Amino acid sequence: MVTLTQKWIERYTPTSKLKKIADPQSKGLYFISRLSGRHSYVLDFCCQGQRHSLTLGRVSELSLAQAREKAAQERAKRDPRLPLQDTVPTLILFDNFGDDFLAHHGRHWKPITAKWNQTNYRLHVLPFFKGMMLQHISAENVQIWF
């Protein structure tokens, strides 16, 4: 599976007439490669039983980050369950997220499970991730912690 990055897209050379590569970070966003070299970003998704397919723009006009942001906005316009996103992402501290998560989900657990999860979080998870921004935690960070 290809992980789309701006550098990968800039260096990509088409090998077939048409290739559609999904972006694993943005649901429904695809990089479309054409043999002519006119590559573009497309948003393709279903919402409330309707299929939506939108061309977001050419690779020469949009960066990958801009395409991801535009895809999120377009999805939010069509899906009333999704809030329209601000253009500036909110940074969330892992400490706050963990505490909120345990408070919100802990009420659904049996008392012994809640106590077990809180203890494990406090002793094993929080010391490693304390002070990190949630958006900056990668799979590699989690593998190192594990």
C-alpha atoms as a PDB file:
ATOM      1  CA  MET A   1       0.000   0.000   0.000  1.00  0.00           C
ATOM      2  CA  VAL A   2       1.297   3.431  -0.929  1.00  0.00           C
ATOM      3  CA  THR A   3       1.425   6.164   1.688  1.00  0.00           C
ATOM      4  CA  LEU A   4       0.793   9.410  -0.116  1.00  0.00           C
ATOM      5  CA  THR A   5       3.203  12.217   0.652  1.00  0.00           C
ATOM      6  CA  GLN A   6       3.835  15.461  -1.183  1.00  0.00           C
ATOM      7  CA  LYS A   7       7.332  14.306  -2.140  1.00  0.00           C
ATOM      8  CA  TRP A   8       6.023  10.955  -3.485  1.00  0.00           C
ATOM      9  CA  ILE A   9       3.384  12.733  -5.589  1.00  0.00           C
ATOM     10  CA  GLU A  10       5.912  15.181  -7.015  1.00  0.00           C
ATOM     11  CA  ARG A  11       8.240  12.341  -8.045  1.00  0.00           C
ATOM     12  CA  TYR A  12       5.533   9.962  -9.318  1.00  0.00           C
ATOM     13  CA  THR A  13       5.856   8.775 -12.914  1.00  0.00           C
ATOM     14  CA  PRO A  14       2.736   7.184 -14.425  1.00  0.00           C
ATOM     15  CA  THR A  15       3.043   3.593 -15.656  1.00  0.00           C
ATOM     16  CA  SER A  16      -0.479   2.983 -16.937  1.00  0.00           C
ATOM     17  CA  LYS A  17      -3.262   4.984 -18.534  1.00  0.00           C
ATOM     18  CA  LEU A  18      -5.219   5.622 -15.328  1.00  0.00           C
ATOM     19  CA  LYS A  19      -4.415   4.831 -11.718  1.00  0.00           C
ATOM     20  CA  LYS A  20      -6.500   5.668  -8.654  1.00  0.00           C
ATOM     21  CA  ILE A  21      -4.593   5.636  -5.336  1.00  0.00           C
ATOM     22  CA  ALA A  22      -6.442   6.097  -2.038  1.00  0.00           C
ATOM     23  CA  ASP A  23      -5.109   8.411   0.648  1.00  0.00           C
ATOM     24  CA  PRO A  24      -5.137   6.462   3.933  1.00  0.00           C
ATOM     25  CA  GLN A  25      -5.170   9.692   5.979  1.00  0.00           C
ATOM     26  CA  SER A  26      -8.273  11.207   4.388  1.00  0.00           C
ATOM     27  CA  LYS A  27     -11.260   8.946   3.834  1.00  0.00           C
ATOM     28  CA  GLY A  28     -12.549   9.121   0.264  1.00  0.00           C
ATOM     29  CA  LEU A  29      -9.629  11.169  -1.109  1.00  0.00           C
ATOM     30  CA  TYR A  30      -7.852   9.719  -4.132  1.00  0.00           C
ATOM     31  CA  PHE A  31      -4.814  10.658  -6.188  1.00  0.00           C
ATOM     32  CA  ILE A  32      -5.672  10.106  -9.863  1.00  0.00           C
ATOM     33  CA  SER A  33      -2.727   9.499 -12.174  1.00  0.00           C
ATOM     34  CA  ARG A  34      -3.030   9.870 -15.921  1.00  0.00           C
ATOM     35  CA  LEU A  35      -0.470   8.892 -18.520  1.00  0.00           C
ATOM     36  CA  SER A  36      -0.612  12.465 -19.843  1.00  0.00           C
ATOM     37  CA  GLY A  37       0.839  13.656 -16.518  1.00  0.00           C
ATOM     38  CA  ARG A  38      -2.233  15.710 -15.600  1.00  0.00           C
ATOM     39  CA  HIS A  39      -2.703  14.249 -12.146  1.00  0.00           C
ATOM     40  CA  SER A  40      -5.535  15.350  -9.865  1.00  0.00           C
ATOM     41  CA  TYR A  41      -7.260  14.796  -6.531  1.00  0.00           C
ATOM     42  CA  VAL A  42     -10.760  13.337  -6.392  1.00  0.00           C
ATOM     43  CA  LEU A  43     -13.131  12.944  -3.460  1.00  0.00           C
ATOM     44  CA  ASP A  44     -15.367   9.882  -3.769  1.00  0.00           C
ATOM     45  CA  PHE A  45     -17.734   8.902  -0.951  1.00  0.00           C
ATOM     46  CA  CYS A  46     -21.271   7.889   0.043  1.00  0.00           C
ATOM     47  CA  CYS A  47     -23.416   9.924   2.406  1.00  0.00           C
ATOM     48  CA  GLN A  48     -27.021   9.229   3.366  1.00  0.00           C
ATOM     49  CA  GLY A  49     -27.430   6.808   0.468  1.00  0.00           C
ATOM     50  CA  GLN A  50     -26.085   9.207  -2.154  1.00  0.00           C
ATOM     51  CA  ARG A  51     -22.806   8.763  -4.017  1.00  0.00           C
ATOM     52  CA  HIS A  52     -20.633  11.866  -4.320  1.00  0.00           C
ATOM     53  CA  SER A  53     -17.676  12.204  -6.662  1.00  0.00           C
ATOM     54  CA  LEU A  54     -15.905  15.557  -6.867  1.00  0.00           C
ATOM     55  CA  THR A  55     -12.739  16.646  -8.591  1.00  0.00           C
ATOM     56  CA  LEU A  56     -10.900  18.819  -6.073  1.00  0.00           C
ATOM     57  CA  GLY A  57      -8.191  20.072  -8.398  1.00  0.00           C
ATOM     58  CA  ARG A  58      -5.001  19.274 -10.220  1.00  0.00           C
ATOM     59  CA  VAL A  59      -1.830  18.326  -8.389  1.00  0.00           C
ATOM     60  CA  SER A  60      -0.145  21.359  -9.964  1.00  0.00           C
ATOM     61  CA  GLU A  61      -2.738  23.627  -8.283  1.00  0.00           C
ATOM     62  CA  LEU A  62      -3.156  21.932  -4.872  1.00  0.00           C
ATOM     63  CA  SER A  63      -0.722  20.453  -2.413  1.00  0.00           C
ATOM     64  CA  LEU A  64      -1.643  17.190  -0.703  1.00  0.00           C
ATOM     65  CA  ALA A  65      -2.328  19.054   2.555  1.00  0.00           C
ATOM     66  CA  GLN A  66      -4.650  21.485   0.750  1.00  0.00           C
ATOM     67  CA  ALA A  67      -6.444  18.592  -0.956  1.00  0.00           C
ATOM     68  CA  ARG A  68      -6.971  16.866   2.416  1.00  0.00           C
ATOM     69  CA  GLU A  69      -8.363  20.058   3.928  1.00  0.00           C
ATOM     70  CA  LYS A  70     -10.616  20.675   0.922  1.00  0.00           C
ATOM     71  CA  ALA A  71     -11.834  17.046   1.047  1.00  0.00           C
ATOM     72  CA  ALA A  72     -12.769  17.399   4.725  1.00  0.00           C
ATOM     73  CA  GLN A  73     -14.672  20.621   3.992  1.00  0.00           C
ATOM     74  CA  GLU A  74     -16.527  19.109   1.024  1.00  0.00           C
ATOM     75  CA  ARG A  75     -17.507  16.027   3.057  1.00  0.00           C
ATOM     76  CA  ALA A  76     -18.735  18.242   5.896  1.00  0.00           C
ATOM     77  CA  LYS A  77     -20.867  20.307   3.476  1.00  0.00           C
ATOM     78  CA  ARG A  78     -22.684  17.160   2.340  1.00  0.00           C
ATOM     79  CA  ASP A  79     -22.850  15.216   5.603  1.00  0.00           C
ATOM     80  CA  PRO A  80     -24.880  16.960   8.333  1.00  0.00           C
ATOM     81  CA  ARG A  81     -23.316  14.654  10.957  1.00  0.00           C
ATOM     82  CA  LEU A  82     -19.880  16.210  10.357  1.00  0.00           C
ATOM     83  CA  PRO A  83     -19.037  19.691  11.647  1.00  0.00           C
ATOM     84  CA  LEU A  84     -17.498  22.148   9.230  1.00  0.00           C
ATOM     85  CA  GLN A  85     -13.839  22.277  10.145  1.00  0.00           C
ATOM     86  CA  ASP A  86     -11.852  25.378  10.909  1.00  0.00           C
ATOM     87  CA  THR A  87      -8.936  26.015   8.622  1.00  0.00           C
ATOM     88  CA  VAL A  88      -6.610  25.994  11.645  1.00  0.00           C
ATOM     89  CA  PRO A  89      -6.482  22.560  13.326  1.00  0.00           C
ATOM     90  CA  THR A  90      -6.920  22.488  17.080  1.00  0.00           C
ATOM     91  CA  LEU A  91      -3.956  21.005  18.909  1.00  0.00           C
ATOM     92  CA  ILE A  92      -4.948  18.604  21.671  1.00  0.00           C
ATOM     93  CA  LEU A  93      -2.618  17.639  24.484  1.00  0.00           C
ATOM     94  CA  PHE A  94      -2.502  13.863  25.027  1.00  0.00           C
ATOM     95  CA  ASP A  95      -2.912  14.324  28.793  1.00  0.00           C
ATOM     96  CA  ASN A  96      -6.236  16.142  28.289  1.00  0.00           C
ATOM     97  CA  PHE A  97      -7.431  13.642  25.700  1.00  0.00           C
ATOM     98  CA  GLY A  98      -6.655  10.659  27.940  1.00  0.00           C
ATOM     99  CA  ASP A  99      -8.423  12.175  30.928  1.00  0.00           C
ATOM    100  CA  ASP A 100     -11.468  13.105  28.834  1.00  0.00           C
ATOM    101  CA  PHE A 101     -11.526   9.660  27.213  1.00  0.00           C
ATOM    102  CA  LEU A 102     -11.477   7.863  30.561  1.00  0.00           C
ATOM    103  CA  ALA A 103     -14.128  10.180  32.002  1.00  0.00           C
ATOM    104  CA  HIS A 104     -16.417   9.774  28.999  1.00  0.00           C
ATOM    105  CA  HIS A 105     -16.014   6.045  28.330  1.00  0.00           C
ATOM    106  CA  GLY A 106     -15.297   4.944  31.884  1.00  0.00           C
ATOM    107  CA  ARG A 107     -18.925   5.455  32.860  1.00  0.00           C
ATOM    108  CA  HIS A 108     -19.872   2.590  30.530  1.00  0.00           C
ATOM    109  CA  TRP A 109     -17.468   0.138  32.150  1.00  0.00           C
ATOM    110  CA  LYS A 110     -17.900  -2.022  35.202  1.00  0.00           C
ATOM    111  CA  PRO A 111     -16.196  -0.459  38.250  1.00  0.00           C
ATOM    112  CA  ILE A 112     -13.307  -2.945  38.290  1.00  0.00           C
ATOM    113  CA  THR A 113     -12.681  -2.425  34.535  1.00  0.00           C
ATOM    114  CA  ALA A 114     -12.716   1.351  34.964  1.00  0.00           C
ATOM    115  CA  LYS A 115     -10.227   1.134  37.833  1.00  0.00           C
ATOM    116  CA  TRP A 116      -7.988  -1.267  35.850  1.00  0.00           C
ATOM    117  CA  ASN A 117      -7.977   0.978  32.760  1.00  0.00           C
ATOM    118  CA  GLN A 118      -7.301   4.136  34.789  1.00  0.00           C
ATOM    119  CA  THR A 119      -4.405   2.459  36.599  1.00  0.00           C
ATOM    120  CA  ASN A 120      -2.858   1.161  33.379  1.00  0.00           C
ATOM    121  CA  TYR A 121      -3.266   4.555  31.740  1.00  0.00           C
ATOM    122  CA  ARG A 122      -1.660   6.353  34.699  1.00  0.00           C
ATOM    123  CA  LEU A 123       1.246   3.899  35.132  1.00  0.00           C
ATOM    124  CA  HIS A 124       2.054   2.772  31.596  1.00  0.00           C
ATOM    125  CA  VAL A 125       0.597   5.042  28.920  1.00  0.00           C
ATOM    126  CA  LEU A 126       0.692   8.570  30.358  1.00  0.00           C
ATOM    127  CA  PRO A 127       4.393   8.599  31.348  1.00  0.00           C
ATOM    128  CA  PHE A 128       5.431   7.954  27.738  1.00  0.00           C
ATOM    129  CA  PHE A 129       2.993  10.274  25.930  1.00  0.00           C
ATOM    130  CA  LYS A 130       2.727  13.055  28.546  1.00  0.00           C
ATOM    131  CA  GLY A 131       3.147  16.493  27.016  1.00  0.00           C
ATOM    132  CA  MET A 132       2.806  15.296  23.399  1.00  0.00           C
ATOM    133  CA  MET A 133       0.225  16.777  21.066  1.00  0.00           C
ATOM    134  CA  LEU A 134      -2.285  14.148  19.966  1.00  0.00           C
ATOM    135  CA  GLN A 135      -1.919  15.105  16.294  1.00  0.00           C
ATOM    136  CA  HIS A 136       1.842  14.515  16.438  1.00  0.00           C
ATOM    137  CA  ILE A 137       1.681  10.965  17.796  1.00  0.00           C
ATOM    138  CA  SER A 138       2.558   8.547  15.015  1.00  0.00           C
ATOM    139  CA  ALA A 139       2.342   4.787  14.644  1.00  0.00           C
ATOM    140  CA  GLU A 140       6.098   4.727  15.202  1.00  0.00           C
ATOM    141  CA  ASN A 141       5.650   6.427  18.603  1.00  0.00           C
ATOM    142  CA  VAL A 142       3.112   3.793  19.579  1.00  0.00           C
ATOM    143  CA  GLN A 143       5.408   0.958  18.450  1.00  0.00           C
ATOM    144  CA  ILE A 144       8.269   2.381  20.521  1.00  0.00           C
ATOM    145  CA  TRP A 145       5.979   2.685  23.553  1.00  0.00           C
ATOM    146  CA  PHE A 146       4.643  -0.856  23.083  1.00  0.00           C
END
